[in-house]
Amino acid sequence: MKMTTVVKRHPSLLASQVNDDLVLFNAERGMYYGTQAVGGRIWSLIQDEMSVSGICNQLLAEFTVERETCERDVLQFLEQLETEGLVVAC
């Protein structure tokens, strides 16, 4: 995955907000996943297709974080979601 990669949510997932956490359910795998506030924010940003760089730019506007750290962490998070079948690269 690269900064120019466009991602979106996998269409068959179910998601629910529980306090500041987000719980995702992949019915195809029968697996639940949980993420905290920033992960939930990323999830809301990819309701529609969005590039990794666009996600980072939005997070940089909302949170106090260095660009390099943000980009590294977002790429790692999205790659994990992709591996688990929770997001798809467009």
N, C-alpha and C. Protein backbone atom coordinates (compact mmCIF):
# COMPACT_ATOMS: atom_id res chain seq x y z
N MET A 1 0.85 -1.17 0.00
CA MET A 1 0.00 0.00 0.00
C MET A 1 0.89 1.23 0.00
N LYS A 2 0.46 2.25 -0.75
CA LYS A 2 1.22 3.50 -0.86
C LYS A 2 0.35 4.68 -0.43
N MET A 3 0.95 5.84 -0.31
CA MET A 3 0.21 7.03 0.06
C MET A 3 -0.84 7.39 -0.99
N THR A 4 -0.61 7.00 -2.23
CA THR A 4 -1.55 7.31 -3.30
C THR A 4 -2.67 6.28 -3.44
N THR A 5 -2.57 5.18 -2.70
CA THR A 5 -3.59 4.13 -2.76
C THR A 5 -4.93 4.67 -2.26
N VAL A 6 -5.98 4.35 -2.98
CA VAL A 6 -7.33 4.74 -2.58
C VAL A 6 -7.97 3.51 -1.93
N VAL A 7 -8.57 3.72 -0.77
CA VAL A 7 -9.19 2.62 -0.03
C VAL A 7 -10.64 2.95 0.29
N LYS A 8 -11.39 1.90 0.57
CA LYS A 8 -12.77 2.06 1.06
C LYS A 8 -13.10 0.86 1.93
N ARG A 9 -14.18 0.99 2.68
CA ARG A 9 -14.64 -0.10 3.53
C ARG A 9 -15.08 -1.28 2.67
N HIS A 10 -14.88 -2.47 3.19
CA HIS A 10 -15.43 -3.65 2.54
C HIS A 10 -16.95 -3.55 2.68
N PRO A 11 -17.70 -3.73 1.60
CA PRO A 11 -19.14 -3.48 1.63
C PRO A 11 -19.95 -4.41 2.53
N SER A 12 -19.44 -5.57 2.89
CA SER A 12 -20.26 -6.51 3.67
C SER A 12 -20.03 -6.45 5.17
N LEU A 13 -19.26 -5.47 5.64
CA LEU A 13 -18.95 -5.39 7.07
C LEU A 13 -20.03 -4.68 7.86
N LEU A 14 -20.15 -5.07 9.10
CA LEU A 14 -21.02 -4.39 10.04
C LEU A 14 -20.13 -3.66 11.04
N ALA A 15 -20.54 -2.46 11.44
CA ALA A 15 -19.75 -1.67 12.39
C ALA A 15 -20.68 -1.04 13.42
N SER A 16 -20.17 -0.90 14.64
CA SER A 16 -20.94 -0.29 15.70
C SER A 16 -20.01 0.52 16.60
N GLN A 17 -20.45 1.71 16.95
CA GLN A 17 -19.69 2.57 17.85
C GLN A 17 -20.06 2.23 19.29
N VAL A 18 -19.06 1.97 20.13
CA VAL A 18 -19.26 1.69 21.54
C VAL A 18 -18.37 2.65 22.31
N ASN A 19 -18.98 3.70 22.87
CA ASN A 19 -18.24 4.78 23.51
C ASN A 19 -17.26 5.36 22.49
N ASP A 20 -15.96 5.37 22.79
CA ASP A 20 -14.97 5.90 21.85
C ASP A 20 -14.38 4.83 20.94
N ASP A 21 -14.84 3.60 21.10
CA ASP A 21 -14.29 2.49 20.32
C ASP A 21 -15.23 2.11 19.18
N LEU A 22 -14.66 1.49 18.18
CA LEU A 22 -15.42 0.99 17.04
C LEU A 22 -15.26 -0.52 17.00
N VAL A 23 -16.37 -1.22 16.87
CA VAL A 23 -16.35 -2.67 16.75
C VAL A 23 -16.80 -3.03 15.34
N LEU A 24 -15.99 -3.84 14.66
CA LEU A 24 -16.27 -4.27 13.29
C LEU A 24 -16.54 -5.76 13.29
N PHE A 25 -17.46 -6.19 12.44
CA PHE A 25 -17.76 -7.61 12.32
C PHE A 25 -17.68 -8.02 10.87
N ASN A 26 -16.81 -8.98 10.60
CA ASN A 26 -16.67 -9.55 9.27
C ASN A 26 -17.46 -10.86 9.26
N ALA A 27 -18.66 -10.83 8.67
CA ALA A 27 -19.54 -12.00 8.68
C ALA A 27 -18.95 -13.15 7.88
N GLU A 28 -18.22 -12.85 6.82
CA GLU A 28 -17.62 -13.91 6.00
C GLU A 28 -16.63 -14.74 6.80
N ARG A 29 -15.90 -14.10 7.69
CA ARG A 29 -14.90 -14.80 8.51
C ARG A 29 -15.40 -15.13 9.91
N GLY A 30 -16.54 -14.54 10.28
CA GLY A 30 -17.06 -14.74 11.63
C GLY A 30 -16.17 -14.13 12.69
N MET A 31 -15.55 -12.99 12.37
CA MET A 31 -14.57 -12.36 13.26
C MET A 31 -15.01 -10.96 13.66
N TYR A 32 -14.75 -10.62 14.93
CA TYR A 32 -14.94 -9.27 15.44
C TYR A 32 -13.59 -8.59 15.55
N TYR A 33 -13.59 -7.27 15.35
CA TYR A 33 -12.37 -6.47 15.47
C TYR A 33 -12.73 -5.20 16.23
N GLY A 34 -11.81 -4.70 17.02
CA GLY A 34 -12.04 -3.46 17.75
C GLY A 34 -10.94 -2.47 17.47
N THR A 35 -11.30 -1.20 17.49
CA THR A 35 -10.32 -0.15 17.30
C THR A 35 -10.71 1.04 18.16
N GLN A 36 -9.74 1.87 18.47
CA GLN A 36 -10.00 3.02 19.33
C GLN A 36 -10.31 4.26 18.49
N ALA A 37 -10.28 5.42 19.11
CA ALA A 37 -10.78 6.66 18.52
C ALA A 37 -10.20 6.98 17.15
N VAL A 38 -8.89 6.95 16.99
CA VAL A 38 -8.30 7.33 15.71
C VAL A 38 -8.67 6.31 14.64
N GLY A 39 -8.67 5.04 14.99
CA GLY A 39 -9.11 4.01 14.05
C GLY A 39 -10.55 4.22 13.64
N GLY A 40 -11.38 4.62 14.59
CA GLY A 40 -12.78 4.93 14.28
C GLY A 40 -12.90 6.12 13.35
N ARG A 41 -12.03 7.10 13.55
CA ARG A 41 -12.05 8.28 12.67
C ARG A 41 -11.64 7.88 11.25
N ILE A 42 -10.62 7.06 11.14
CA ILE A 42 -10.21 6.58 9.81
C ILE A 42 -11.38 5.83 9.17
N TRP A 43 -12.06 5.00 9.94
CA TRP A 43 -13.20 4.24 9.42
C TRP A 43 -14.28 5.17 8.89
N SER A 44 -14.54 6.26 9.61
CA SER A 44 -15.56 7.20 9.13
C SER A 44 -15.11 7.91 7.86
N LEU A 45 -13.81 8.16 7.73
CA LEU A 45 -13.29 8.83 6.53
C LEU A 45 -13.38 7.96 5.29
N ILE A 46 -13.32 6.65 5.46
CA ILE A 46 -13.34 5.77 4.29
C ILE A 46 -14.73 5.19 4.02
N GLN A 47 -15.74 5.89 4.50
CA GLN A 47 -17.11 5.50 4.14
C GLN A 47 -17.22 5.53 2.61
N ASP A 48 -16.61 6.54 2.02
CA ASP A 48 -16.46 6.63 0.57
C ASP A 48 -14.98 6.41 0.27
N GLU A 49 -14.65 6.25 -0.97
CA GLU A 49 -13.25 6.07 -1.35
C GLU A 49 -12.42 7.29 -0.94
N MET A 50 -11.22 7.02 -0.42
CA MET A 50 -10.31 8.10 -0.03
C MET A 50 -8.88 7.59 -0.12
N SER A 51 -7.98 8.46 -0.55
CA SER A 51 -6.57 8.07 -0.64
C SER A 51 -5.94 8.07 0.76
N VAL A 52 -4.89 7.30 0.89
CA VAL A 52 -4.17 7.25 2.16
C VAL A 52 -3.65 8.65 2.50
N SER A 53 -3.15 9.37 1.52
CA SER A 53 -2.66 10.73 1.78
C SER A 53 -3.80 11.65 2.22
N GLY A 54 -4.98 11.47 1.66
CA GLY A 54 -6.14 12.27 2.08
C GLY A 54 -6.53 11.98 3.51
N ILE A 55 -6.47 10.71 3.89
CA ILE A 55 -6.75 10.33 5.27
C ILE A 55 -5.75 10.99 6.21
N CYS A 56 -4.47 10.91 5.86
CA CYS A 56 -3.42 11.52 6.69
C CYS A 56 -3.61 13.02 6.80
N ASN A 57 -3.91 13.68 5.70
CA ASN A 57 -4.11 15.13 5.74
C ASN A 57 -5.25 15.50 6.68
N GLN A 58 -6.33 14.74 6.65
CA GLN A 58 -7.45 15.01 7.53
C GLN A 58 -7.07 14.78 8.99
N LEU A 59 -6.37 13.70 9.27
CA LEU A 59 -5.95 13.42 10.65
C LEU A 59 -4.97 14.47 11.16
N LEU A 60 -4.08 14.93 10.30
CA LEU A 60 -3.13 15.98 10.70
C LEU A 60 -3.84 17.27 11.06
N ALA A 61 -4.98 17.53 10.41
CA ALA A 61 -5.77 18.73 10.72
C ALA A 61 -6.52 18.58 12.05
N GLU A 62 -6.78 17.35 12.46
CA GLU A 62 -7.60 17.10 13.64
C GLU A 62 -6.80 16.72 14.89
N PHE A 63 -5.62 16.14 14.71
CA PHE A 63 -4.84 15.63 15.84
C PHE A 63 -3.43 16.22 15.82
N THR A 64 -2.82 16.29 16.99
CA THR A 64 -1.44 16.75 17.10
C THR A 64 -0.53 15.54 16.92
N VAL A 65 0.07 15.46 15.73
CA VAL A 65 0.94 14.33 15.40
C VAL A 65 1.88 14.76 14.28
N GLU A 66 3.08 14.24 14.29
CA GLU A 66 4.03 14.52 13.21
C GLU A 66 3.59 13.80 11.94
N ARG A 67 3.80 14.44 10.79
CA ARG A 67 3.39 13.85 9.51
C ARG A 67 3.99 12.46 9.31
N GLU A 68 5.27 12.31 9.57
CA GLU A 68 5.94 11.02 9.36
C GLU A 68 5.30 9.92 10.21
N THR A 69 5.01 10.25 11.46
CA THR A 69 4.38 9.29 12.37
C THR A 69 2.98 8.94 11.89
N CYS A 70 2.23 9.95 11.50
CA CYS A 70 0.87 9.74 11.01
C CYS A 70 0.87 8.83 9.79
N GLU A 71 1.71 9.15 8.83
CA GLU A 71 1.76 8.36 7.59
C GLU A 71 2.14 6.91 7.87
N ARG A 72 3.14 6.71 8.70
CA ARG A 72 3.58 5.35 9.03
C ARG A 72 2.47 4.57 9.71
N ASP A 73 1.84 5.21 10.71
CA ASP A 73 0.80 4.52 11.48
C ASP A 73 -0.45 4.24 10.65
N VAL A 74 -0.84 5.20 9.81
CA VAL A 74 -2.02 5.01 8.97
C VAL A 74 -1.78 3.90 7.95
N LEU A 75 -0.62 3.90 7.33
CA LEU A 75 -0.29 2.83 6.38
C LEU A 75 -0.32 1.47 7.07
N GLN A 76 0.28 1.38 8.23
CA GLN A 76 0.31 0.12 8.96
C GLN A 76 -1.11 -0.33 9.33
N PHE A 77 -1.92 0.59 9.82
CA PHE A 77 -3.30 0.28 10.21
C PHE A 77 -4.11 -0.20 9.01
N LEU A 78 -4.02 0.53 7.90
CA LEU A 78 -4.79 0.16 6.71
C LEU A 78 -4.32 -1.17 6.12
N GLU A 79 -3.03 -1.42 6.18
CA GLU A 79 -2.51 -2.70 5.69
C GLU A 79 -3.05 -3.86 6.54
N GLN A 80 -3.16 -3.64 7.84
CA GLN A 80 -3.74 -4.66 8.71
C GLN A 80 -5.21 -4.88 8.37
N LEU A 81 -5.94 -3.78 8.16
CA LEU A 81 -7.35 -3.90 7.79
C LEU A 81 -7.52 -4.63 6.46
N GLU A 82 -6.63 -4.33 5.52
CA GLU A 82 -6.69 -4.99 4.22
C GLU A 82 -6.41 -6.49 4.36
N THR A 83 -5.42 -6.84 5.16
CA THR A 83 -5.08 -8.24 5.39
C THR A 83 -6.26 -9.01 5.98
N GLU A 84 -7.01 -8.35 6.85
CA GLU A 84 -8.17 -8.98 7.49
C GLU A 84 -9.43 -8.90 6.64
N GLY A 85 -9.33 -8.27 5.47
CA GLY A 85 -10.48 -8.17 4.58
C GLY A 85 -11.49 -7.12 4.98
N LEU A 86 -11.06 -6.12 5.76
CA LEU A 86 -11.96 -5.09 6.24
C LEU A 86 -12.02 -3.88 5.32
N VAL A 87 -10.96 -3.66 4.55
CA VAL A 87 -10.94 -2.58 3.56
C VAL A 87 -10.45 -3.16 2.24
N VAL A 88 -10.78 -2.45 1.18
CA VAL A 88 -10.31 -2.85 -0.15
C VAL A 88 -9.61 -1.66 -0.79
N ALA A 89 -8.53 -1.94 -1.50
CA ALA A 89 -7.85 -0.92 -2.28
C ALA A 89 -8.57 -0.81 -3.62
N CYS A 90 -8.80 0.42 -4.04
CA CYS A 90 -9.54 0.64 -5.28
C CYS A 90 -8.61 0.83 -6.46
